Amino acid sequence: MCVGVPMQLVEINYPSGVAEAKGVKRDIGLQLLVEDTLEIGDHVIVHVGFAIEKVDKARADEIWEALEEVLALMDEEESARGINSSGDG
């Protein structure tokens, strides 16, 4: 499954930058977005290390809420099958 993750730009050195989500910072590529539309604090969707779309904070929060729901369901399923977090049952 491929998932784009909302992250907030904390540094811009176009065509690269640094984005943060949930306390984790990552170097990302920005070249798929127009340089003069990006500002520190903007939210972007990051997929395989590249910002692919700029979104507003409300949309970023909405996506994180959905991702957290999916992760919780996956954890419940793994627990029901007796699989621990290391994957070795």
Protein backbone atom coordinates (compact mmCIF):
# COMPACT_ATOMS: atom_id res chain seq x y z
CA MET A 1 0.00 0.00 0.00
CA CYS A 2 1.31 3.46 -0.89
CA VAL A 3 0.55 6.29 1.50
CA GLY A 4 1.29 10.00 1.34
CA VAL A 5 1.90 11.53 4.77
CA PRO A 6 1.06 15.13 5.73
CA MET A 7 4.10 17.00 7.01
CA GLN A 8 4.86 20.63 7.87
CA LEU A 9 7.73 22.46 6.20
CA VAL A 10 10.32 23.63 8.71
CA GLU A 11 13.14 24.45 6.29
CA ILE A 12 13.23 25.31 2.60
CA ASN A 13 16.38 25.16 0.48
CA TYR A 14 14.65 24.67 -2.86
CA PRO A 15 14.67 22.14 -4.49
CA SER A 16 14.94 20.39 -1.12
CA GLY A 17 13.68 21.04 2.37
CA VAL A 18 12.98 19.58 5.78
CA ALA A 19 9.50 18.63 6.92
CA GLU A 20 8.22 17.44 10.29
CA ALA A 21 5.33 15.28 11.43
CA LYS A 22 4.64 13.79 14.85
CA GLY A 23 8.07 14.93 16.07
CA VAL A 24 9.96 13.27 13.19
CA LYS A 25 11.94 15.41 10.73
CA ARG A 26 12.79 14.25 7.21
CA ASP A 27 14.75 15.69 4.30
CA ILE A 28 12.35 15.93 1.37
CA GLY A 29 12.40 16.91 -2.29
CA LEU A 30 10.32 19.94 -3.22
CA GLN A 31 10.93 20.00 -6.97
CA LEU A 32 7.45 18.68 -7.78
CA LEU A 33 5.92 21.88 -6.37
CA VAL A 34 6.33 25.45 -7.57
CA GLU A 35 9.07 27.16 -5.56
CA ASP A 36 7.38 30.53 -5.01
CA THR A 37 4.23 28.90 -3.58
CA LEU A 38 6.04 27.35 -0.60
CA GLU A 39 6.61 28.91 2.81
CA ILE A 40 7.89 27.68 6.16
CA GLY A 41 4.89 26.33 8.06
CA ASP A 42 3.05 25.09 4.96
CA HIS A 43 1.67 21.56 5.03
CA VAL A 44 2.51 19.17 2.22
CA ILE A 45 1.77 15.55 1.40
CA VAL A 46 5.04 13.58 1.28
CA HIS A 47 5.27 10.37 -0.71
CA VAL A 48 8.53 8.41 -1.17
CA GLY A 49 10.52 11.42 0.01
CA PHE A 50 8.91 14.05 -2.23
CA ALA A 51 6.32 16.70 -1.47
CA ILE A 52 3.60 15.98 -4.02
CA GLU A 53 0.84 18.35 -2.93
CA LYS A 54 0.36 21.41 -0.75
CA VAL A 55 -2.64 21.17 1.63
CA ASP A 56 -4.09 23.39 4.34
CA LYS A 57 -3.73 22.51 8.02
CA ALA A 58 -7.33 21.32 8.32
CA ARG A 59 -6.81 18.82 5.49
CA ALA A 60 -3.49 17.65 6.98
CA ASP A 61 -5.18 17.09 10.35
CA GLU A 62 -8.04 15.23 8.66
CA ILE A 63 -5.61 12.91 6.87
CA TRP A 64 -3.68 12.21 10.08
CA GLU A 65 -6.92 11.36 11.87
CA ALA A 66 -7.77 8.85 9.14
CA LEU A 67 -4.26 7.36 9.17
CA GLU A 68 -4.38 6.95 12.95
CA GLU A 69 -7.72 5.14 12.65
CA VAL A 70 -6.27 2.74 10.08
CA LEU A 71 -3.18 2.10 12.24
CA ALA A 72 -5.37 1.43 15.29
CA LEU A 73 -7.43 -1.09 13.31
CA MET A 74 -4.27 -2.80 12.08
CA ASP A 75 -2.98 -3.04 15.65
CA GLU A 76 -6.29 -4.54 16.78
CA GLU A 77 -6.16 -7.13 14.01
CA GLU A 78 -2.59 -8.07 14.86
CA SER A 79 -3.47 -8.38 18.55
CA ALA A 80 -6.44 -10.60 17.71
CA ARG A 81 -4.14 -12.90 15.73
CA GLY A 82 -1.53 -12.94 18.50
CA ILE A 83 1.15 -11.02 16.62
CA ASN A 84 3.27 -8.71 18.73
CA SER A 85 4.95 -5.51 17.50
CA SER A 86 8.14 -7.38 16.55
CA GLY A 87 6.09 -9.62 14.24
CA ASP A 88 7.11 -12.90 15.83
CA GLY A 89 3.86 -13.90 17.54
